[in-house]
């Protein structure tokens, strides 16, 4: 697990062929828009969150964000405990994100 600044997170993401963007916010928060191509798994879903995370490919690199960076940091720690070696937390979360947002389907 590693905390990355907005610039470093975006730069690594752009150049990472094994990247997966993971949004761990609530459904209500996600309604305001998500980072393009993000997968949404609400961290507040407890065991369902853990089950969905465990089903992900551990060989990928996960770029995780929430509203402010706190929950995504917790999600990265959980992923680390579950055996994911490459989970990167977006410092400042979507509040400080300067990139694009898209509506979720």
Protein backbone atom coordinates (compact mmCIF):
# COMPACT_ATOMS: atom_id res chain seq x y z
CA UNK A 1 0.00 0.00 0.00
CA UNK A 2 1.23 3.44 -0.86
CA UNK A 3 -0.26 6.93 -0.54
CA UNK A 4 0.26 8.92 -3.73
CA UNK A 5 -0.21 12.60 -4.47
CA UNK A 6 -2.76 13.55 -7.12
CA UNK A 7 0.02 14.12 -9.67
CA UNK A 8 1.88 10.89 -8.95
CA UNK A 9 -1.34 8.83 -8.87
CA UNK A 10 -2.47 10.21 -12.24
CA UNK A 11 0.99 9.80 -13.79
CA UNK A 12 1.37 6.18 -12.69
CA UNK A 13 -2.20 5.38 -13.72
CA UNK A 14 -1.65 6.78 -17.21
CA UNK A 15 1.41 4.59 -17.79
CA UNK A 16 0.23 1.38 -16.07
CA UNK A 17 -1.04 -1.38 -18.35
CA UNK A 18 -2.18 -3.42 -15.32
CA UNK A 19 -4.12 -0.56 -13.71
CA UNK A 20 -7.59 -0.86 -12.20
CA UNK A 21 -9.27 2.22 -10.72
CA UNK A 22 -11.37 1.43 -7.65
CA UNK A 23 -13.95 3.83 -6.16
CA UNK A 24 -14.89 2.88 -2.57
CA UNK A 25 -17.44 5.66 -1.95
CA UNK A 26 -21.14 5.19 -1.19
CA UNK A 27 -23.79 4.90 -3.90
CA UNK A 28 -24.97 8.44 -3.12
CA UNK A 29 -21.45 9.84 -3.53
CA UNK A 30 -20.90 7.95 -6.77
CA UNK A 31 -24.06 9.53 -8.21
CA UNK A 32 -22.04 12.77 -8.50
CA UNK A 33 -19.68 11.06 -10.97
CA UNK A 34 -16.69 8.73 -11.00
CA UNK A 35 -13.23 8.71 -12.50
CA UNK A 36 -13.52 7.15 -16.00
CA UNK A 37 -13.34 3.33 -16.07
CA UNK A 38 -13.50 3.02 -12.28
CA UNK A 39 -15.00 -0.02 -10.58
CA UNK A 40 -17.33 0.90 -7.71
CA UNK A 41 -17.24 -1.22 -4.53
CA UNK A 42 -18.67 0.56 -1.45
CA UNK A 43 -16.37 0.06 1.54
CA UNK A 44 -19.35 0.43 3.90
CA UNK A 45 -20.82 -2.86 2.65
CA UNK A 46 -18.78 -4.79 5.20
CA UNK A 47 -18.33 -8.46 4.31
CA UNK A 48 -19.76 -7.88 0.83
CA UNK A 49 -16.95 -5.37 0.26
CA UNK A 50 -14.36 -7.93 1.35
CA UNK A 51 -15.95 -10.65 -0.81
CA UNK A 52 -15.93 -8.41 -3.90
CA UNK A 53 -12.33 -7.33 -3.26
CA UNK A 54 -11.21 -10.96 -2.83
CA UNK A 55 -12.68 -11.75 -6.26
CA UNK A 56 -10.39 -9.21 -7.95
CA UNK A 57 -7.18 -10.19 -9.77
CA UNK A 58 -4.26 -9.86 -7.34
CA UNK A 59 -1.85 -9.42 -10.27
CA UNK A 60 -3.34 -6.03 -11.16
CA UNK A 61 -2.37 -2.64 -9.75
CA UNK A 62 -5.22 -0.90 -7.91
CA UNK A 63 -5.61 2.87 -7.80
CA UNK A 64 -8.10 3.45 -4.99
CA UNK A 65 -10.01 6.60 -4.13
CA UNK A 66 -12.88 7.89 -2.03
CA UNK A 67 -14.15 11.38 -1.17
CA UNK A 68 -11.16 12.60 0.85
CA UNK A 69 -8.60 9.76 0.96
CA UNK A 70 -9.45 8.28 4.36
CA UNK A 71 -11.71 5.36 3.37
CA UNK A 72 -9.54 4.57 0.35
CA UNK A 73 -6.55 4.36 2.70
CA UNK A 74 -8.53 1.87 4.80
CA UNK A 75 -9.47 -0.04 1.65
CA UNK A 76 -5.81 -0.25 0.62
CA UNK A 77 -4.91 -1.59 4.09
CA UNK A 78 -7.64 -4.25 3.78
CA UNK A 79 -6.39 -5.15 0.31
CA UNK A 80 -2.87 -5.46 1.69
CA UNK A 81 -4.13 -7.88 4.37
CA UNK A 82 -5.90 -9.89 1.66
CA UNK A 83 -2.67 -10.34 -0.30
CA UNK A 84 -2.83 -7.50 -2.82
CA UNK A 85 0.69 -6.16 -3.30
CA UNK A 86 -0.08 -3.06 -5.35
CA UNK A 87 -2.81 -0.80 -3.96
CA UNK A 88 -2.32 2.95 -4.27
CA UNK A 89 -4.35 5.46 -2.28
CA UNK A 90 -5.25 8.81 -3.85
CA UNK A 91 -4.30 11.44 -1.26
CA UNK A 92 -7.05 14.03 -0.89
CA UNK A 93 -9.54 11.82 -2.70
CA UNK A 94 -11.95 13.02 -5.33
CA UNK A 95 -12.28 16.37 -3.54
CA UNK A 96 -8.88 17.31 -4.94
CA UNK A 97 -9.13 15.38 -8.22
CA UNK A 98 -8.56 17.64 -11.20
CA UNK A 99 -9.16 15.02 -13.88
CA UNK A 100 -12.35 14.00 -15.64
CA UNK A 101 -15.47 12.58 -13.99
CA UNK A 102 -18.19 10.64 -15.76
CA UNK A 103 -21.73 9.62 -14.81
CA UNK A 104 -22.12 6.06 -13.63
CA UNK A 105 -24.46 3.78 -15.58
